Amino acid sequence: MSDTENPAARGKIGEQIYAQVNALVGAEEITRTQAFQRIAEERGSRAGTVAANYYRIARIKDGGRSSRPRGRKAAARTADTDAVIARATESINELTALVRSQRRELDRLSEKVAQIDKLRALLAN
């Protein structure tokens, strides 16, 4: 049974990877990136997946603290969102005006075509 099929084993993958990376970095004096790559090759996975597992466990062991602030403040995100919505609304309104203008022009041209068709019919007789 593989690790992904056994829920008990699945919960330990991160711990195993964390331990393996630390062992490789300590014993062979390689970088974490190199350790991630080597473990990924052994496991048949991607280095990014190994790194994600490693850092997830590292954050837990660090008390859930991150070494750098993550994300932006809600007010900044809200302001950005409001600005995007305002630009989108403005663009939609401009597009609507253009479509209406095109519709009027098509109606006008259709009337001209109808007039030309009548003239052709008169000239044909």
PDB file of N, CA and C in Angstrom:
ATOM      1  N   MET A   1       0.865  -1.166   0.000  1.00  0.00           N
ATOM      2  CA  MET A   1       0.000   0.000   0.000  1.00  0.00           C
ATOM      3  C   MET A   1       0.911   1.228   0.000  1.00  0.00           C
ATOM      4  N   SER A   2       0.646   2.232  -0.868  1.00  0.00           N
ATOM      5  CA  SER A   2       1.485   3.424  -0.931  1.00  0.00           C
ATOM      6  C   SER A   2       1.125   4.393   0.180  1.00  0.00           C
ATOM      7  N   ASP A   3       1.986   5.411   0.355  1.00  0.00           N
ATOM      8  CA  ASP A   3       1.758   6.425   1.389  1.00  0.00           C
ATOM      9  C   ASP A   3       0.441   7.149   1.190  1.00  0.00           C
ATOM     10  N   THR A   4       0.031   7.357  -0.082  1.00  0.00           N
ATOM     11  CA  THR A   4      -1.183   8.123  -0.354  1.00  0.00           C
ATOM     12  C   THR A   4      -2.441   7.322  -0.077  1.00  0.00           C
ATOM     13  N   GLU A   5      -2.301   5.985  -0.023  1.00  0.00           N
ATOM     14  CA  GLU A   5      -3.472   5.149   0.238  1.00  0.00           C
ATOM     15  C   GLU A   5      -3.676   4.924   1.738  1.00  0.00           C
ATOM     16  N   ASN A   6      -2.650   5.103   2.554  1.00  0.00           N
ATOM     17  CA  ASN A   6      -2.712   4.866   3.983  1.00  0.00           C
ATOM     18  C   ASN A   6      -2.778   6.216   4.703  1.00  0.00           C
ATOM     19  N   PRO A   7      -3.950   6.575   5.249  1.00  0.00           N
ATOM     20  CA  PRO A   7      -4.082   7.876   5.905  1.00  0.00           C
ATOM     21  C   PRO A   7      -3.096   8.096   7.035  1.00  0.00           C
ATOM     22  N   ALA A   8      -2.748   7.061   7.791  1.00  0.00           N
ATOM     23  CA  ALA A   8      -1.795   7.219   8.887  1.00  0.00           C
ATOM     24  C   ALA A   8      -0.421   7.580   8.334  1.00  0.00           C
ATOM     25  N   ALA A   9      -0.025   6.945   7.239  1.00  0.00           N
ATOM     26  CA  ALA A   9       1.264   7.224   6.615  1.00  0.00           C
ATOM     27  C   ALA A   9       1.248   8.599   5.967  1.00  0.00           C
ATOM     28  N   ARG A  10       0.106   8.969   5.399  1.00  0.00           N
ATOM     29  CA  ARG A  10      -0.004  10.276   4.736  1.00  0.00           C
ATOM     30  C   ARG A  10       0.292  11.411   5.699  1.00  0.00           C
ATOM     31  N   GLY A  11      -0.132  11.294   6.912  1.00  0.00           N
ATOM     32  CA  GLY A  11       0.091  12.347   7.887  1.00  0.00           C
ATOM     33  C   GLY A  11       1.546  12.482   8.292  1.00  0.00           C
ATOM     34  N   LYS A  12       2.340  11.500   7.985  1.00  0.00           N
ATOM     35  CA  LYS A  12       3.741  11.484   8.399  1.00  0.00           C
ATOM     36  C   LYS A  12       4.697  11.874   7.280  1.00  0.00           C
ATOM     37  N   ILE A  13       4.209  12.047   6.076  1.00  0.00           N
ATOM     38  CA  ILE A  13       5.087  12.347   4.941  1.00  0.00           C
ATOM     39  C   ILE A  13       5.869  13.628   5.178  1.00  0.00           C
ATOM     40  N   GLY A  14       5.181  14.665   5.627  1.00  0.00           N
ATOM     41  CA  GLY A  14       5.856  15.930   5.882  1.00  0.00           C
ATOM     42  C   GLY A  14       6.955  15.786   6.911  1.00  0.00           C
ATOM     43  N   GLU A  15       6.653  15.065   7.979  1.00  0.00           N
ATOM     44  CA  GLU A  15       7.653  14.832   9.029  1.00  0.00           C
ATOM     45  C   GLU A  15       8.856  14.074   8.466  1.00  0.00           C
ATOM     46  N   GLN A  16       8.574  13.057   7.642  1.00  0.00           N
ATOM     47  CA  GLN A  16       9.654  12.275   7.052  1.00  0.00           C
ATOM     48  C   GLN A  16      10.523  13.145   6.156  1.00  0.00           C
ATOM     49  N   ILE A  17       9.869  13.951   5.330  1.00  0.00           N
ATOM     50  CA  ILE A  17      10.619  14.817   4.426  1.00  0.00           C
ATOM     51  C   ILE A  17      11.447  15.825   5.216  1.00  0.00           C
ATOM     52  N   TYR A  18      10.846  16.409   6.238  1.00  0.00           N
ATOM     53  CA  TYR A  18      11.560  17.373   7.087  1.00  0.00           C
ATOM     54  C   TYR A  18      12.822  16.736   7.661  1.00  0.00           C
ATOM     55  N   ALA A  19      12.685  15.533   8.178  1.00  0.00           N
ATOM     56  CA  ALA A  19      13.824  14.834   8.771  1.00  0.00           C
ATOM     57  C   ALA A  19      14.870  14.507   7.708  1.00  0.00           C
ATOM     58  N   GLN A  20      14.427  14.038   6.541  1.00  0.00           N
ATOM     59  CA  GLN A  20      15.358  13.679   5.469  1.00  0.00           C
ATOM     60  C   GLN A  20      16.151  14.904   5.003  1.00  0.00           C
ATOM     61  N   VAL A  21      15.458  16.009   4.801  1.00  0.00           N
ATOM     62  CA  VAL A  21      16.130  17.225   4.334  1.00  0.00           C
ATOM     63  C   VAL A  21      17.171  17.659   5.355  1.00  0.00           C
ATOM     64  N   ASN A  22      16.775  17.716   6.615  1.00  0.00           N
ATOM     65  CA  ASN A  22      17.724  18.133   7.647  1.00  0.00           C
ATOM     66  C   ASN A  22      18.910  17.186   7.740  1.00  0.00           C
ATOM     67  N   ALA A  23      18.666  15.887   7.577  1.00  0.00           N
ATOM     68  CA  ALA A  23      19.760  14.913   7.629  1.00  0.00           C
ATOM     69  C   ALA A  23      20.720  15.126   6.459  1.00  0.00           C
ATOM     70  N   LEU A  24      20.177  15.314   5.262  1.00  0.00           N
ATOM     71  CA  LEU A  24      21.027  15.521   4.087  1.00  0.00           C
ATOM     72  C   LEU A  24      21.822  16.819   4.199  1.00  0.00           C
ATOM     73  N   VAL A  25      21.163  17.871   4.594  1.00  0.00           N
ATOM     74  CA  VAL A  25      21.835  19.171   4.723  1.00  0.00           C
ATOM     75  C   VAL A  25      22.950  19.090   5.764  1.00  0.00           C
ATOM     76  N   GLY A  26      22.679  18.412   6.889  1.00  0.00           N
ATOM     77  CA  GLY A  26      23.691  18.287   7.945  1.00  0.00           C
ATOM     78  C   GLY A  26      24.820  17.355   7.572  1.00  0.00           C
ATOM     79  N   ALA A  27      24.497  16.195   7.001  1.00  0.00           N
ATOM     80  CA  ALA A  27      25.509  15.178   6.743  1.00  0.00           C
ATOM     81  C   ALA A  27      26.352  15.490   5.510  1.00  0.00           C
ATOM     82  N   GLU A  28      25.710  15.950   4.453  1.00  0.00           N
ATOM     83  CA  GLU A  28      26.426  16.129   3.194  1.00  0.00           C
ATOM     84  C   GLU A  28      26.751  17.583   2.888  1.00  0.00           C
ATOM     85  N   GLU A  29      26.336  18.472   3.782  1.00  0.00           N
ATOM     86  CA  GLU A  29      26.578  19.900   3.599  1.00  0.00           C
ATOM     87  C   GLU A  29      26.134  20.385   2.214  1.00  0.00           C
ATOM     88  N   ILE A  30      24.916  19.996   1.844  1.00  0.00           N
ATOM     89  CA  ILE A  30      24.319  20.481   0.600  1.00  0.00           C
ATOM     90  C   ILE A  30      23.231  21.488   0.975  1.00  0.00           C
ATOM     91  N   THR A  31      22.765  22.225  -0.010  1.00  0.00           N
ATOM     92  CA  THR A  31      21.711  23.206   0.262  1.00  0.00           C
ATOM     93  C   THR A  31      20.369  22.493   0.387  1.00  0.00           C
ATOM     94  N   ARG A  32      19.420  23.180   0.974  1.00  0.00           N
ATOM     95  CA  ARG A  32      18.074  22.596   1.066  1.00  0.00           C
ATOM     96  C   ARG A  32      17.522  22.333  -0.329  1.00  0.00           C
ATOM     97  N   THR A  33      17.762  23.271  -1.240  1.00  0.00           N
ATOM     98  CA  THR A  33      17.265  23.101  -2.620  1.00  0.00           C
ATOM     99  C   THR A  33      17.790  21.818  -3.224  1.00  0.00           C
ATOM    100  N   GLN A  34      19.066  21.544  -3.018  1.00  0.00           N
ATOM    101  CA  GLN A  34      19.651  20.298  -3.522  1.00  0.00           C
ATOM    102  C   GLN A  34      19.016  19.090  -2.831  1.00  0.00           C
ATOM    103  N   ALA A  35      18.777  19.219  -1.538  1.00  0.00           N
ATOM    104  CA  ALA A  35      18.138  18.127  -0.796  1.00  0.00           C
ATOM    105  C   ALA A  35      16.720  17.906  -1.305  1.00  0.00           C
ATOM    106  N   PHE A  36      15.981  18.986  -1.544  1.00  0.00           N
ATOM    107  CA  PHE A  36      14.619  18.855  -2.071  1.00  0.00           C
ATOM    108  C   PHE A  36      14.653  18.091  -3.393  1.00  0.00           C
ATOM    109  N   GLN A  37      15.585  18.457  -4.261  1.00  0.00           N
ATOM    110  CA  GLN A  37      15.679  17.822  -5.576  1.00  0.00           C
ATOM    111  C   GLN A  37      15.989  16.330  -5.436  1.00  0.00           C
ATOM    112  N   ARG A  38      16.940  15.996  -4.584  1.00  0.00           N
ATOM    113  CA  ARG A  38      17.337  14.591  -4.413  1.00  0.00           C
ATOM    114  C   ARG A  38      16.171  13.761  -3.856  1.00  0.00           C
ATOM    115  N   ILE A  39      15.520  14.291  -2.839  1.00  0.00           N
ATOM    116  CA  ILE A  39      14.396  13.560  -2.237  1.00  0.00           C
ATOM    117  C   ILE A  39      13.252  13.429  -3.246  1.00  0.00           C
ATOM    118  N   ALA A  40      13.028  14.470  -4.025  1.00  0.00           N
ATOM    119  CA  ALA A  40      11.971  14.420  -5.041  1.00  0.00           C
ATOM    120  C   ALA A  40      12.249  13.306  -6.047  1.00  0.00           C
ATOM    121  N   GLU A  41      13.490  13.184  -6.469  1.00  0.00           N
ATOM    122  CA  GLU A  41      13.860  12.123  -7.410  1.00  0.00           C
ATOM    123  C   GLU A  41      13.630  10.745  -6.791  1.00  0.00           C
ATOM    124  N   GLU A  42      14.014  10.599  -5.531  1.00  0.00           N
ATOM    125  CA  GLU A  42      13.821   9.324  -4.838  1.00  0.00           C
ATOM    126  C   GLU A  42      12.345   8.977  -4.684  1.00  0.00           C
ATOM    127  N   ARG A  43      11.526   9.980  -4.404  1.00  0.00           N
ATOM    128  CA  ARG A  43      10.100   9.753  -4.154  1.00  0.00           C
ATOM    129  C   ARG A  43       9.273   9.738  -5.443  1.00  0.00           C
ATOM    130  N   GLY A  44       9.881  10.187  -6.542  1.00  0.00           N
ATOM    131  CA  GLY A  44       9.140  10.267  -7.793  1.00  0.00           C
ATOM    132  C   GLY A  44       8.151  11.432  -7.781  1.00  0.00           C
ATOM    133  N   SER A  45       8.539  12.518  -7.132  1.00  0.00           N
ATOM    134  CA  SER A  45       7.674  13.690  -7.071  1.00  0.00           C
ATOM    135  C   SER A  45       8.460  14.915  -7.511  1.00  0.00           C
ATOM    136  N   ARG A  46       7.871  16.075  -7.336  1.00  0.00           N
ATOM    137  CA  ARG A  46       8.519  17.325  -7.737  1.00  0.00           C
ATOM    138  C   ARG A  46       9.241  17.940  -6.545  1.00  0.00           C
ATOM    139  N   ALA A  47      10.308  18.658  -6.858  1.00  0.00           N
ATOM    140  CA  ALA A  47      11.078  19.324  -5.810  1.00  0.00           C
ATOM    141  C   ALA A  47      10.205  20.347  -5.078  1.00  0.00           C
ATOM    142  N   GLY A  48       9.320  21.008  -5.793  1.00  0.00           N
ATOM    143  CA  GLY A  48       8.430  21.986  -5.174  1.00  0.00           C
ATOM    144  C   GLY A  48       7.494  21.356  -4.160  1.00  0.00           C
ATOM    145  N   THR A  49       7.052  20.148  -4.444  1.00  0.00           N
ATOM    146  CA  THR A  49       6.178  19.427  -3.517  1.00  0.00           C
ATOM    147  C   THR A  49       6.942  19.076  -2.250  1.00  0.00           C
ATOM    148  N   VAL A  50       8.171  18.627  -2.428  1.00  0.00           N
ATOM    149  CA  VAL A  50       9.017  18.291  -1.277  1.00  0.00           C
ATOM    150  C   VAL A  50       9.268  19.547  -0.446  1.00  0.00           C
ATOM    151  N   ALA A  51       9.586  20.647  -1.118  1.00  0.00           N
ATOM    152  CA  ALA A  51       9.842  21.912  -0.412  1.00  0.00           C
ATOM    153  C   ALA A  51       8.603  22.372   0.349  1.00  0.00           C
ATOM    154  N   ALA A  52       7.440  22.243  -0.275  1.00  0.00           N
ATOM    155  CA  ALA A  52       6.196  22.657   0.391  1.00  0.00           C
ATOM    156  C   ALA A  52       5.971  21.838   1.658  1.00  0.00           C
ATOM    157  N   ASN A  53       6.199  20.548   1.576  1.00  0.00           N
ATOM    158  CA  ASN A  53       6.062  19.685   2.758  1.00  0.00           C
ATOM    159  C   ASN A  53       7.068  20.080   3.833  1.00  0.00           C
ATOM    160  N   TYR A  54       8.298  20.326   3.425  1.00  0.00           N
ATOM    161  CA  TYR A  54       9.340  20.706   4.383  1.00  0.00           C
ATOM    162  C   TYR A  54       8.955  21.986   5.111  1.00  0.00           C
ATOM    163  N   TYR A  55       8.596  23.020   4.360  1.00  0.00           N
ATOM    164  CA  TYR A  55       8.317  24.317   4.984  1.00  0.00           C
ATOM    165  C   TYR A  55       7.019  24.314   5.785  1.00  0.00           C
ATOM    166  N   ARG A  56       6.079  23.459   5.414  1.00  0.00           N
ATOM    167  CA  ARG A  56       4.849  23.337   6.218  1.00  0.00           C
ATOM    168  C   ARG A  56       5.203  22.834   7.608  1.00  0.00           C
ATOM    169  N   ILE A  57       6.028  21.815   7.674  1.00  0.00           N
ATOM    170  CA  ILE A  57       6.443  21.265   8.968  1.00  0.00           C
ATOM    171  C   ILE A  57       7.342  22.259   9.698  1.00  0.00           C
ATOM    172  N   ALA A  58       8.214  22.940   8.959  1.00  0.00           N
ATOM    173  CA  ALA A  58       9.102  23.921   9.588  1.00  0.00           C
ATOM    174  C   ALA A  58       8.285  25.037  10.247  1.00  0.00           C
ATOM    175  N   ARG A  59       7.210  25.477   9.603  1.00  0.00           N
ATOM    176  CA  ARG A  59       6.355  26.517  10.205  1.00  0.00           C
ATOM    177  C   ARG A  59       5.685  25.994  11.469  1.00  0.00           C
ATOM    178  N   ILE A  60       5.238  24.752  11.430  1.00  0.00           N
ATOM    179  CA  ILE A  60       4.589  24.165  12.611  1.00  0.00           C
ATOM    180  C   ILE A  60       5.587  24.088  13.760  1.00  0.00           C
ATOM    181  N   LYS A  61       6.793  23.655  13.471  1.00  0.00           N
ATOM    182  CA  LYS A  61       7.817  23.522  14.508  1.00  0.00           C
ATOM    183  C   LYS A  61       8.258  24.885  15.034  1.00  0.00           C
ATOM    184  N   ASP A  62       8.053  25.919  14.222  1.00  0.00           N
ATOM    185  CA  ASP A  62       8.414  27.281  14.625  1.00  0.00           C
ATOM    186  C   ASP A  62       7.244  27.962  15.333  1.00  0.00           C
ATOM    187  N   GLY A  63       6.265  27.195  15.743  1.00  0.00           N
ATOM    188  CA  GLY A  63       5.115  27.753  16.450  1.00  0.00           C
ATOM    189  C   GLY A  63       4.130  28.448  15.529  1.00  0.00           C
ATOM    190  N   GLY A  64       4.175  28.111  14.244  1.00  0.00           N
ATOM    191  CA  GLY A  64       3.233  28.709  13.302  1.00  0.00           C
ATOM    192  C   GLY A  64       3.645  30.093  12.843  1.00  0.00           C
ATOM    193  N   ARG A  65       4.784  30.563  13.329  1.00  0.00           N
ATOM    194  CA  ARG A  65       5.252  31.894  12.931  1.00  0.00           C
ATOM    195  C   ARG A  65       5.983  31.784  11.603  1.00  0.00           C
ATOM    196  N   SER A  66       5.886  32.840  10.844  1.00  0.00           N
ATOM    197  CA  SER A  66       6.596  32.912   9.578  1.00  0.00           C
ATOM    198  C   SER A  66       7.743  33.900   9.730  1.00  0.00           C
ATOM    199  N   SER A  67       8.805  33.689   9.008  1.00  0.00           N
ATOM    200  CA  SER A  67       9.947  34.592   9.107  1.00  0.00           C
ATOM    201  C   SER A  67       9.686  35.917   8.401  1.00  0.00           C
ATOM    202  N   ARG A  68       8.689  35.966   7.568  1.00  0.00           N
ATOM    203  CA  ARG A  68       8.338  37.215   6.892  1.00  0.00           C
ATOM    204  C   ARG A  68       6.827  37.356   6.879  1.00  0.00           C
ATOM    205  N   PRO A  69       6.345  38.577   6.845  1.00  0.00           N
ATOM    206  CA  PRO A  69       4.896  38.760   6.797  1.00  0.00           C
ATOM    207  C   PRO A  69       4.334  38.220   5.489  1.00  0.00           C
ATOM    208  N   ARG A  70       3.214  37.596   5.572  1.00  0.00           N
ATOM    209  CA  ARG A  70       2.601  37.002   4.387  1.00  0.00           C
ATOM    210  C   ARG A  70       1.341  37.779   4.039  1.00  0.00           C
ATOM    211  N   GLY A  71       1.181  38.024   2.774  1.00  0.00           N
ATOM    212  CA  GLY A  71      -0.028  38.677   2.309  1.00  0.00           C
ATOM    213  C   GLY A  71      -0.027  40.168   2.580  1.00  0.00           C
ATOM    214  N   ARG A  72      -1.119  40.804   2.172  1.00  0.00           N
ATOM    215  CA  ARG A  72      -1.259  42.239   2.367  1.00  0.00           C
ATOM    216  C   ARG A  72      -2.412  42.498   3.301  1.00  0.00           C
ATOM    217  N   LYS A  73      -2.472  43.693   3.809  1.00  0.00           N
ATOM    218  CA  LYS A  73      -3.547  44.040   4.717  1.00  0.00           C
ATOM    219  C   LYS A  73      -4.866  44.043   3.974  1.00  0.00           C
ATOM    220  N   ALA A  74      -5.918  43.723   4.704  1.00  0.00           N
ATOM    221  CA  ALA A  74      -7.251  43.622   4.111  1.00  0.00           C
ATOM    222  C   ALA A  74      -7.686  44.933   3.477  1.00  0.00           C
ATOM    223  N   ALA A  75      -7.358  46.054   4.093  1.00  0.00           N
ATOM    224  CA  ALA A  75      -7.772  47.358   3.546  1.00  0.00           C
ATOM    225  C   ALA A  75      -7.151  47.589   2.178  1.00  0.00           C
ATOM    226  N   ALA A  76      -5.883  47.213   2.019  1.00  0.00           N
ATOM    227  CA  ALA A  76      -5.213  47.387   0.729  1.00  0.00           C
ATOM    228  C   ALA A  76      -5.851  46.485  -0.319  1.00  0.00           C
ATOM    229  N   ARG A  77      -6.164  45.252   0.073  1.00  0.00           N
ATOM    230  CA  ARG A  77      -6.812  44.334  -0.864  1.00  0.00           C
ATOM    231  C   ARG A  77      -8.184  44.852  -1.254  1.00  0.00           C
ATOM    232  N   THR A  78      -8.927  45.405  -0.287  1.00  0.00           N
ATOM    233  CA  THR A  78     -10.257  45.937  -0.562  1.00  0.00           C
ATOM    234  C   THR A  78     -10.164  47.122  -1.505  1.00  0.00           C
ATOM    235  N   ALA A  79      -9.200  48.014  -1.266  1.00  0.00           N
ATOM    236  CA  ALA A  79      -9.019  49.175  -2.142  1.00  0.00           C
ATOM    237  C   ALA A  79      -8.673  48.719  -3.551  1.00  0.00           C
ATOM    238  N   ASP A  80      -7.780  47.736  -3.664  1.00  0.00           N
ATOM    239  CA  ASP A  80      -7.426  47.204  -4.976  1.00  0.00           C
ATOM    240  C   ASP A  80      -8.644  46.593  -5.650  1.00  0.00           C
ATOM    241  N   THR A  81      -9.419  45.843  -4.891  1.00  0.00           N
ATOM    242  CA  THR A  81     -10.608  45.200  -5.437  1.00  0.00           C
ATOM    243  C   THR A  81     -11.603  46.243  -5.906  1.00  0.00           C
ATOM    244  N   ASP A  82     -11.812  47.279  -5.108  1.00  0.00           N
ATOM    245  CA  ASP A  82     -12.735  48.346  -5.495  1.00  0.00           C
ATOM    246  C   ASP A  82     -12.271  49.039  -6.771  1.00  0.00           C
ATOM    247  N   ALA A  83     -10.963  49.270  -6.889  1.00  0.00           N
ATOM    248  CA  ALA A  83     -10.425  49.912  -8.085  1.00  0.00           C
ATOM    249  C   ALA A  83     -10.617  49.032  -9.316  1.00  0.00           C
ATOM    250  N   VAL A  84     -10.398  47.750  -9.158  1.00  0.00           N
ATOM    251  CA  VAL A  84     -10.582  46.815 -10.275  1.00  0.00           C
ATOM    252  C   VAL A  84     -12.046  46.783 -10.698  1.00  0.00           C
ATOM    253  N   ILE A  85     -12.937  46.743  -9.720  1.00  0.00           N
ATOM    254  CA  ILE A  85     -14.375  46.732 -10.033  1.00  0.00           C
ATOM    255  C   ILE A  85     -14.773  48.020 -10.734  1.00  0.00           C
ATOM    256  N   ALA A  86     -14.246  49.152 -10.282  1.00  0.00           N
ATOM    257  CA  ALA A  86     -14.573  50.436 -10.911  1.00  0.00           C
ATOM    258  C   ALA A  86     -14.078  50.473 -12.351  1.00  0.00           C
ATOM    259  N   ARG A  87     -12.850  49.990 -12.585  1.00  0.00           N
ATOM    260  CA  ARG A  87     -12.315  49.952 -13.963  1.00  0.00           C
ATOM    261  C   ARG A  87     -13.130  49.005 -14.829  1.00  0.00           C
ATOM    262  N   ALA A  88     -13.506  47.864 -14.284  1.00  0.00           N
ATOM    263  CA  ALA A  88     -14.299  46.898 -15.050  1.00  0.00           C
ATOM    264  C   ALA A  88     -15.666  47.479 -15.397  1.00  0.00           C
ATOM    265  N   THR A  89     -16.288  48.145 -14.435  1.00  0.00           N
ATOM    266  CA  THR A  89     -17.597  48.759 -14.681  1.00  0.00           C
ATOM    267  C   THR A  89     -17.491  49.824 -15.757  1.00  0.00           C
ATOM    268  N   GLU A  90     -16.467  50.650 -15.677  1.00  0.00           N
ATOM    269  CA  GLU A  90     -16.254  51.689 -16.685  1.00  0.00           C
ATOM    270  C   GLU A  90     -16.050  51.062 -18.068  1.00  0.00           C
ATOM    271  N   SER A  91     -15.250  50.007 -18.131  1.00  0.00           N
ATOM    272  CA  SER A  91     -15.002  49.332 -19.402  1.00  0.00           C
ATOM    273  C   SER A  91     -16.280  48.718 -19.962  1.00  0.00           C
ATOM    274  N   ILE A  92     -17.083  48.116 -19.108  1.00  0.00           N
ATOM    275  CA  ILE A  92     -18.348  47.521 -19.555  1.00  0.00           C
ATOM    276  C   ILE A  92     -19.276  48.603 -20.087  1.00  0.00           C
ATOM    277  N   ASN A  93     -19.330  49.743 -19.396  1.00  0.00           N
ATOM    278  CA  ASN A  93     -20.175  50.839 -19.863  1.00  0.00           C
ATOM    279  C   ASN A  93     -19.701  51.360 -21.223  1.00  0.00           C
ATOM    280  N   GLU A  94     -18.396  51.498 -21.403  1.00  0.00           N
ATOM    281  CA  GLU A  94     -17.859  51.928 -22.691  1.00  0.00           C
ATOM    282  C   GLU A  94     -18.192  50.918 -23.782  1.00  0.00           C
ATOM    283  N   LEU A  95     -18.039  49.656 -23.465  1.00  0.00           N
ATOM    284  CA  LEU A  95     -18.345  48.601 -24.434  1.00  0.00           C
ATOM    285  C   LEU A  95     -19.821  48.618 -24.806  1.00  0.00           C
ATOM    286  N   THR A  96     -20.677  48.804 -23.817  1.00  0.00           N
ATOM    287  CA  THR A  96     -22.120  48.875 -24.076  1.00  0.00           C
ATOM    288  C   THR A  96     -22.433  50.031 -25.014  1.00  0.00           C
ATOM    289  N   ALA A  97     -21.824  51.195 -24.780  1.00  0.00           N
ATOM    290  CA  ALA A  97     -22.047  52.353 -25.649  1.00  0.00           C
ATOM    291  C   ALA A  97     -21.575  52.067 -27.070  1.00  0.00           C
ATOM    292  N   LEU A  98     -20.432  51.397 -27.210  1.00  0.00           N
ATOM    293  CA  LEU A  98     -19.930  51.059 -28.539  1.00  0.00           C
ATOM    294  C   LEU A  98     -20.845  50.075 -29.255  1.00  0.00           C
ATOM    295  N   VAL A  99     -21.338  49.101 -28.551  1.00  0.00           N
ATOM    296  CA  VAL A  99     -22.239  48.106 -29.156  1.00  0.00           C
ATOM    297  C   VAL A  99     -23.527  48.790 -29.608  1.00  0.00           C
ATOM    298  N   ARG A 100     -24.062  49.683 -28.795  1.00  0.00           N
ATOM    299  CA  ARG A 100     -25.280  50.415 -29.176  1.00  0.00           C
ATOM    300  C   ARG A 100     -25.019  51.277 -30.409  1.00  0.00           C
ATOM    301  N   SER A 101     -23.873  51.930 -30.432  1.00  0.00           N
ATOM    302  CA  SER A 101     -23.516  52.760 -31.587  1.00  0.00           C
ATOM    303  C   SER A 101     -23.410  51.905 -32.849  1.00  0.00           C
ATOM    304  N   GLN A 102     -22.770  50.743 -32.721  1.00  0.00           N
ATOM    305  CA  GLN A 102     -22.660  49.826 -33.861  1.00  0.00           C
ATOM    306  C   GLN A 102     -24.035  49.365 -34.320  1.00  0.00           C
ATOM    307  N   ARG A 103     -24.914  49.066 -33.366  1.00  0.00           N
ATOM    308  CA  ARG A 103     -26.267  48.618 -33.701  1.00  0.00           C
ATOM    309  C   ARG A 103     -26.990  49.701 -34.498  1.00  0.00           C
ATOM    310  N   ARG A 104     -26.880  50.977 -34.067  1.00  0.00           N
ATOM    311  CA  ARG A 104     -27.518  52.079 -34.790  1.00  0.00           C
ATOM    312  C   ARG A 104     -26.949  52.201 -36.200  1.00  0.00           C
ATOM    313  N   GLU A 105     -25.623  52.070 -36.318  1.00  0.00           N
ATOM    314  CA  GLU A 105     -24.986  52.161 -37.635  1.00  0.00           C
ATOM    315  C   GLU A 105     -25.429  51.015 -38.532  1.00  0.00           C
ATOM    316  N   LEU A 106     -25.528  49.820 -37.987  1.00  0.00           N
ATOM    317  CA  LEU A 106     -26.003  48.672 -38.782  1.00  0.00           C
ATOM    318  C   LEU A 106     -27.443  48.880 -39.235  1.00  0.00           C
ATOM    319  N   ASP A 107     -28.292  49.410 -38.354  1.00  0.00           N
ATOM    320  CA  ASP A 107     -29.682  49.699 -38.727  1.00  0.00           C
ATOM    321  C   ASP A 107     -29.725  50.718 -39.854  1.00  0.00           C
ATOM    322  N   ARG A 108     -28.891  51.769 -39.751  1.00  0.00           N
ATOM    323  CA  ARG A 108     -28.850  52.800 -40.783  1.00  0.00           C
ATOM    324  C   ARG A 108     -28.380  52.212 -42.111  1.00  0.00           C
ATOM    325  N   LEU A 109     -27.344  51.385 -42.061  1.00  0.00           N
ATOM    326  CA  LEU A 109     -26.843  50.764 -43.286  1.00  0.00           C
ATOM    327  C   LEU A 109     -27.864  49.788 -43.880  1.00  0.00           C
ATOM    328  N   SER A 110     -28.590  49.084 -43.025  1.00  0.00           N
ATOM    329  CA  SER A 110     -29.633  48.175 -43.522  1.00  0.00           C
ATOM    330  C   SER A 110     -30.717  48.949 -44.260  1.00  0.00           C
ATOM    331  N   GLU A 111     -31.069  50.120 -43.759  1.00  0.00           N
ATOM    332  CA  GLU A 111     -32.061  50.968 -44.438  1.00  0.00           C
ATOM    333  C   GLU A 111     -31.526  51.407 -45.794  1.00  0.00           C
ATOM    334  N   LYS A 112     -30.240  51.769 -45.872  1.00  0.00           N
ATOM    335  CA  LYS A 112     -29.624  52.181 -47.139  1.00  0.00           C
ATOM    336  C   LYS A 112     -29.636  51.030 -48.136  1.00  0.00           C
ATOM    337  N   VAL A 113     -29.319  49.826 -47.663  1.00  0.00           N
ATOM    338  CA  VAL A 113     -29.325  48.650 -48.543  1.00  0.00           C
ATOM    339  C   VAL A 113     -30.735  48.412 -49.078  1.00  0.00           C
ATOM    340  N   ALA A 114     -31.733  48.560 -48.219  1.00  0.00           N
ATOM    341  CA  ALA A 114     -33.124  48.384 -48.654  1.00  0.00           C
ATOM    342  C   ALA A 114     -33.471  49.415 -49.718  1.00  0.00           C
ATOM    343  N   GLN A 115     -33.025  50.677 -49.552  1.00  0.00           N
ATOM    344  CA  GLN A 115     -33.287  51.708 -50.548  1.00  0.00           C
ATOM    345  C   GLN A 115     -32.602  51.387 -51.869  1.00  0.00           C
ATOM    346  N   ILE A 116     -31.354  50.916 -51.797  1.00  0.00           N
ATOM    347  CA  ILE A 116     -30.617  50.554 -53.014  1.00  0.00           C
ATOM    348  C   ILE A 116     -31.304  49.397 -53.718  1.00  0.00           C
ATOM    349  N   ASP A 117     -31.785  48.424 -52.952  1.00  0.00           N
ATOM    350  CA  ASP A 117     -32.495  47.286 -53.551  1.00  0.00           C
ATOM    351  C   ASP A 117     -33.749  47.751 -54.272  1.00  0.00           C
ATOM    352  N   LYS A 118     -34.480  48.723 -53.714  1.00  0.00           N
ATOM    353  CA  LYS A 118     -35.684  49.261 -54.354  1.00  0.00           C
ATOM    354  C   LYS A 118     -35.317  49.970 -55.636  1.00  0.00           C
ATOM    355  N   LEU A 119     -34.228  50.758 -55.602  1.00  0.00           N
ATOM    356  CA  LEU A 119     -33.779  51.456 -56.805  1.00  0.00           C
ATOM    357  C   LEU A 119     -33.374  50.469 -57.904  1.00  0.00           C
ATOM    358  N   ARG A 120     -32.678  49.409 -57.527  1.00  0.00           N
ATOM    359  CA  ARG A 120     -32.283  48.390 -58.509  1.00  0.00           C
ATOM    360  C   ARG A 120     -33.518  47.743 -59.137  1.00  0.00           C
ATOM    361  N   ALA A 121     -34.504  47.462 -58.292  1.00  0.00           N
ATOM    362  CA  ALA A 121     -35.738  46.848 -58.805  1.00  0.00           C
ATOM    363  C   ALA A 121     -36.426  47.789 -59.777  1.00  0.00           C
ATOM    364  N   LEU A 122     -36.474  49.083 -59.498  1.00  0.00           N
ATOM    365  CA  LEU A 122     -37.092  50.067 -60.393  1.00  0.00           C
ATOM    366  C   LEU A 122     -36.328  50.183 -61.711  1.00  0.00           C
ATOM    367  N   LEU A 123     -34.999  50.168 -61.612  1.00  0.00           N
ATOM    368  CA  LEU A 123     -34.169  50.283 -62.815  1.00  0.00           C
ATOM    369  C   LEU A 123     -34.236  49.005 -63.664  1.00  0.00           C
ATOM    370  N   ALA A 124     -34.452  47.881 -63.020  1.00  0.00           N
ATOM    371  CA  ALA A 124     -34.513  46.606 -63.732  1.00  0.00           C
ATOM    372  C   ALA A 124     -35.789  46.509 -64.553  1.00  0.00           C
ATOM    373  N   ASN A 125     -36.857  47.212 -64.164  1.00  0.00           N
ATOM    374  CA  ASN A 125     -38.128  47.153 -64.877  1.00  0.00           C
ATOM    375  C   ASN A 125     -38.112  48.029 -66.043  1.00  0.00           C
TER     376      ASN A 125
END
